[in-house]
Protein backbone atom coordinates (compact mmCIF):
# COMPACT_ATOMS: atom_id res chain seq x y z
CA MET A 1 7.33 54.01 11.20
CA LYS A 2 7.87 52.82 14.57
CA ILE A 3 5.50 54.92 16.88
CA ILE A 4 7.61 56.45 20.10
CA ARG A 5 5.11 56.57 22.86
CA PHE A 6 6.58 58.96 26.00
CA SER A 7 4.96 57.81 29.48
CA LEU A 8 4.40 61.25 31.33
CA LEU A 9 4.79 61.17 35.30
CA LEU A 10 5.23 63.70 37.48
CA CYS A 11 9.13 63.36 36.87
CA MET A 12 9.81 62.92 33.47
CA MET A 13 12.10 60.29 32.23
CA SER A 14 13.59 61.02 28.96
CA ILE A 15 13.34 58.46 26.41
CA ILE A 16 16.43 58.56 23.49
CA ILE A 17 16.51 55.72 20.43
CA SER A 18 19.25 55.22 18.85
CA CYS A 19 20.30 54.01 15.71
CA GLY A 20 23.38 54.16 13.40
CA LYS A 21 24.32 56.33 10.81
CA GLU A 22 25.92 56.53 7.50
CA LYS A 23 28.08 58.80 6.14
CA SER A 24 26.55 60.72 3.18
CA GLY A 25 27.41 60.97 0.05
CA LYS A 26 29.74 62.80 -1.97
CA ILE A 27 30.51 64.36 -5.83
CA LYS A 28 34.04 62.56 -6.54
CA SER A 29 36.24 62.63 -9.12
CA SER A 30 36.74 59.92 -12.11
CA SER A 31 39.88 58.32 -10.95
CA ASP A 32 38.77 57.61 -7.17
CA ARG A 33 37.37 54.40 -7.57
CA LYS A 34 36.64 53.66 -4.01
CA ILE A 35 33.21 53.87 -3.22
CA SER A 36 31.31 53.93 0.05
CA GLY A 37 29.47 51.93 1.70
CA PHE A 38 29.55 47.68 1.91
CA GLU A 39 29.31 47.04 -1.61
CA ALA A 40 32.74 46.00 -3.55
CA PRO A 41 33.73 49.04 -5.85
CA VAL A 42 32.73 49.05 -9.38
CA PRO A 43 35.69 49.11 -11.77
CA VAL A 44 36.07 52.01 -13.76
CA ASP A 45 37.93 52.55 -16.75
CA LYS A 46 40.92 54.80 -16.68
CA GLY A 47 39.73 55.65 -20.34
CA PHE A 48 36.80 57.20 -18.88
CA SER A 49 38.63 60.35 -17.24
CA GLU A 50 39.33 61.63 -20.94
CA PHE A 51 34.98 62.21 -20.99
CA ILE A 52 34.15 62.59 -17.06
CA SER A 53 35.82 64.53 -14.31
CA ALA A 54 33.91 63.77 -11.64
CA TYR A 55 30.33 62.02 -10.93
CA THR A 56 27.74 61.59 -7.29
CA SER A 57 28.85 57.81 -5.65
CA GLY A 58 28.49 56.17 -2.79
CA VAL A 59 26.01 57.00 0.01
CA ILE A 60 23.92 59.81 -0.35
CA SER A 61 20.62 61.52 0.93
CA VAL A 62 17.01 60.31 -0.15
CA ASN A 63 16.31 63.43 -2.08
CA SER A 64 19.68 64.17 -3.87
CA PRO A 65 20.26 64.14 -7.17
CA VAL A 66 22.85 62.28 -9.16
CA GLU A 67 25.79 64.32 -11.24
CA ILE A 68 28.03 63.76 -13.76
CA HIS A 69 30.75 66.74 -14.31
CA PHE A 70 32.06 65.89 -17.87
CA THR A 71 35.21 67.51 -19.54
CA PRO A 72 35.53 70.69 -21.47
CA ASP A 73 36.29 68.76 -24.36
CA PHE A 74 33.58 65.92 -24.37
CA ALA A 75 30.83 68.50 -23.04
CA VAL A 76 31.25 70.10 -26.32
CA LYS A 77 31.03 67.37 -28.31
CA ALA A 78 27.86 66.50 -26.15
CA GLY A 79 26.63 69.62 -27.64
CA ARG A 80 23.89 69.38 -24.43
CA LYS A 81 21.87 66.53 -26.34
CA LEU A 82 19.28 64.55 -23.73
CA PRO A 83 18.71 61.34 -25.46
CA SER A 84 16.30 59.00 -23.75
CA GLY A 85 17.33 56.22 -21.77
CA LEU A 86 20.64 58.02 -21.11
CA ILE A 87 20.88 57.34 -17.44
CA THR A 88 18.88 54.11 -16.47
CA PHE A 89 18.87 52.46 -12.74
CA ASP A 90 18.53 49.26 -11.16
CA PRO A 91 15.81 48.95 -9.36
CA ALA A 92 14.61 51.55 -11.55
CA ILE A 93 14.32 55.22 -11.10
CA LYS A 94 12.12 57.49 -12.45
CA GLY A 95 13.15 61.13 -13.14
CA LYS A 96 13.79 63.99 -15.42
CA THR A 97 18.03 64.79 -16.72
CA GLU A 98 18.89 68.41 -17.56
CA TRP A 99 21.95 70.40 -18.24
CA ILE A 100 22.67 73.11 -15.34
CA ASP A 101 25.60 74.38 -16.91
CA GLU A 102 28.09 74.17 -20.00
CA THR A 103 29.77 70.37 -18.29
CA THR A 104 27.25 69.63 -15.91
CA LEU A 105 24.25 66.59 -16.69
CA VAL A 106 22.08 66.09 -13.34
CA PHE A 107 19.54 63.52 -12.91
CA ARG A 108 16.82 64.55 -10.49
CA PRO A 109 14.70 61.72 -9.10
CA ASP A 110 10.73 62.48 -9.25
CA LYS A 111 10.03 61.37 -5.82
CA ILE A 112 12.22 60.53 -2.65
CA LEU A 113 14.99 57.24 -3.19
CA THR A 114 13.89 54.25 -0.93
CA PRO A 115 15.99 54.88 2.29
CA GLY A 116 19.18 51.88 3.22
CA THR A 117 18.76 51.12 -0.69
CA LEU A 118 21.59 50.03 -3.60
CA TYR A 119 21.01 51.43 -6.95
CA ARG A 120 23.04 50.35 -9.86
CA GLY A 121 22.93 52.76 -13.20
CA SER A 122 25.11 53.40 -15.93
CA LEU A 123 25.10 56.38 -18.41
CA ASN A 124 25.23 55.99 -22.24
CA LEU A 125 27.78 58.13 -23.08
CA GLY A 126 27.67 56.84 -26.78
CA LYS A 127 24.05 58.01 -26.89
CA LEU A 128 26.00 62.21 -26.47
CA ALA A 129 29.15 61.82 -28.35
CA VAL A 130 31.47 59.09 -30.33
CA VAL A 131 33.30 57.27 -27.77
CA PRO A 132 35.28 53.83 -27.82
CA GLU A 133 32.92 50.85 -27.68
CA ASN A 134 34.59 49.83 -24.68
CA LEU A 135 33.54 53.41 -22.78
CA LYS A 136 30.36 53.70 -24.31
CA VAL A 137 28.55 52.97 -20.95
CA PHE A 138 29.62 54.30 -17.77
CA PRO A 139 28.75 52.21 -14.49
CA LEU A 140 27.00 54.14 -11.68
CA GLN A 141 26.42 52.93 -7.75
CA ILE A 142 24.47 54.63 -5.12
CA ARG A 143 23.26 53.79 -1.75
CA THR A 144 20.55 55.26 -0.01
CA ILE A 145 20.91 56.43 3.60
CA LYS A 146 19.30 54.23 6.08
CA ARG A 147 16.53 55.81 8.22
CA ASP A 148 17.11 56.22 11.75
CA PHE A 149 16.81 58.61 14.26
CA ILE A 150 17.30 59.47 17.94
CA VAL A 151 14.52 61.43 20.15
CA ARG A 152 16.06 63.75 23.00
CA THR A 153 13.82 65.38 25.62
CA GLY A 154 14.70 68.32 27.98
CA ILE A 155 13.19 68.65 31.37
CA LEU A 156 9.59 69.84 31.89
CA GLU A 157 8.73 73.36 32.54
CA CYS A 158 5.89 74.78 34.19
CA THR A 159 4.05 77.38 32.22
CA SER A 160 3.13 79.92 35.42
CA ALA A 161 4.13 79.74 39.03
CA GLU A 162 0.55 79.88 39.72
CA SER A 163 -0.17 76.98 37.22
CA ASN A 164 0.14 72.83 37.46
CA ALA A 165 0.49 72.71 33.38
CA TYR A 166 3.35 71.77 32.07
CA ILE A 167 5.48 71.73 29.00
CA LEU A 168 8.49 69.24 27.45
CA HIS A 169 10.72 70.36 24.77
CA GLY A 170 12.45 67.79 22.61
CA GLU A 171 14.03 67.11 18.74
CA LEU A 172 14.07 64.22 16.99
CA ILE A 173 17.32 64.07 15.02
CA ALA A 174 17.18 62.47 11.69
CA SER A 175 19.74 60.12 9.66
CA ASP A 176 18.27 61.81 6.49
CA TYR A 177 15.36 63.61 5.51
CA ILE A 178 12.36 62.56 5.57
CA PRO A 179 9.22 64.22 4.73
CA SER A 180 7.58 66.29 8.08
CA ASN A 181 4.39 64.74 7.60
CA GLU A 182 5.68 61.28 8.52
CA ILE A 183 8.17 62.50 11.29
CA GLU A 184 5.26 63.79 13.07
CA SER A 185 3.56 60.86 12.85
CA CYS A 186 6.60 58.64 14.62
CA LEU A 187 6.36 60.67 17.71
CA GLU A 188 3.22 60.74 20.21
CA ALA A 189 2.81 61.56 23.72
CA ARG A 190 -0.25 60.51 26.55
CA LEU A 191 -0.94 61.37 30.13
CA GLU A 192 -3.03 58.78 31.21
CA ARG A 193 -5.33 57.78 28.40
CA ASN A 194 -5.13 61.16 27.08
CA ARG A 195 -2.98 61.89 24.29
CA LEU A 196 -1.48 65.52 24.38
CA SER A 197 -0.69 68.04 21.80
CA VAL A 198 2.54 67.93 20.42
CA SER A 199 3.83 71.07 18.15
CA TRP A 200 6.27 71.10 16.09
CA ASP A 201 9.34 73.23 14.20
CA HIS A 202 10.62 71.54 10.97
CA SER A 203 12.98 74.71 10.33
CA ASP A 204 16.09 71.96 9.88
CA MET A 205 16.45 69.28 7.67
CA LEU A 206 17.55 67.15 10.21
CA VAL A 207 16.91 68.12 13.62
CA HIS A 208 13.27 68.56 14.32
CA LYS A 209 12.62 70.36 17.39
CA PHE A 210 8.77 69.54 19.48
CA THR A 211 7.27 70.54 22.64
CA ILE A 212 5.00 68.28 24.47
CA SER A 213 1.95 70.61 26.49
CA GLY A 214 -0.98 70.06 28.49
CA ILE A 215 1.06 68.20 31.10
CA ILE A 216 -1.10 68.85 34.36
CA ARG A 217 0.58 67.70 37.28
CA THR A 218 -1.75 66.05 39.95
CA GLN A 219 -0.89 64.74 43.47
CA LYS A 220 -1.42 60.68 42.46
CA PRO A 221 1.27 59.09 40.37
CA GLN A 222 -0.20 59.21 36.13
CA ASN A 223 1.46 57.27 33.75
């Protein structure tokens, strides 16, 4: 990930790095075959609506599961079976498949997915119940959100009336989930040749607040 370095002077200049965002993913009806993103829609036979009422498709977060909602009648026939190779993807995704209620099957990847990546997959309905030959394999297609972020800073704040020490608050707004350790490694602040302390608040998944401390004002310009 690109490292952002701030040049801290007597007057702080805000630095903003702006990147595009993609729309978030959604659970969609099996009768709605439009897929978000740049790829052509995956052809879906209308016959699948007899077995599947909704499913995850389009652009999703890197830490999102894939959900399949079955019709009640088909769910009864499936009987909560979990055969091997039920859901597969290309590129391959390792994960666990589980029933979370009577009609919903969820595939949870073992680790976060690669940002900005198209995954084509399939659900083998024929392993759950007897279905027509042309409806045994249900096509899946997802694309993860591209990793982008914007950095915004506030104004220099003096820590006390008698002090020459300042702090600077800011926030890094991510397009999608990024692990906290990776967020912290992408930003650093320096004054002269000294690296300044940066503390973080990761309570929001997308908006990561930071505070730069140890900014000392002197009589000569610094950079």
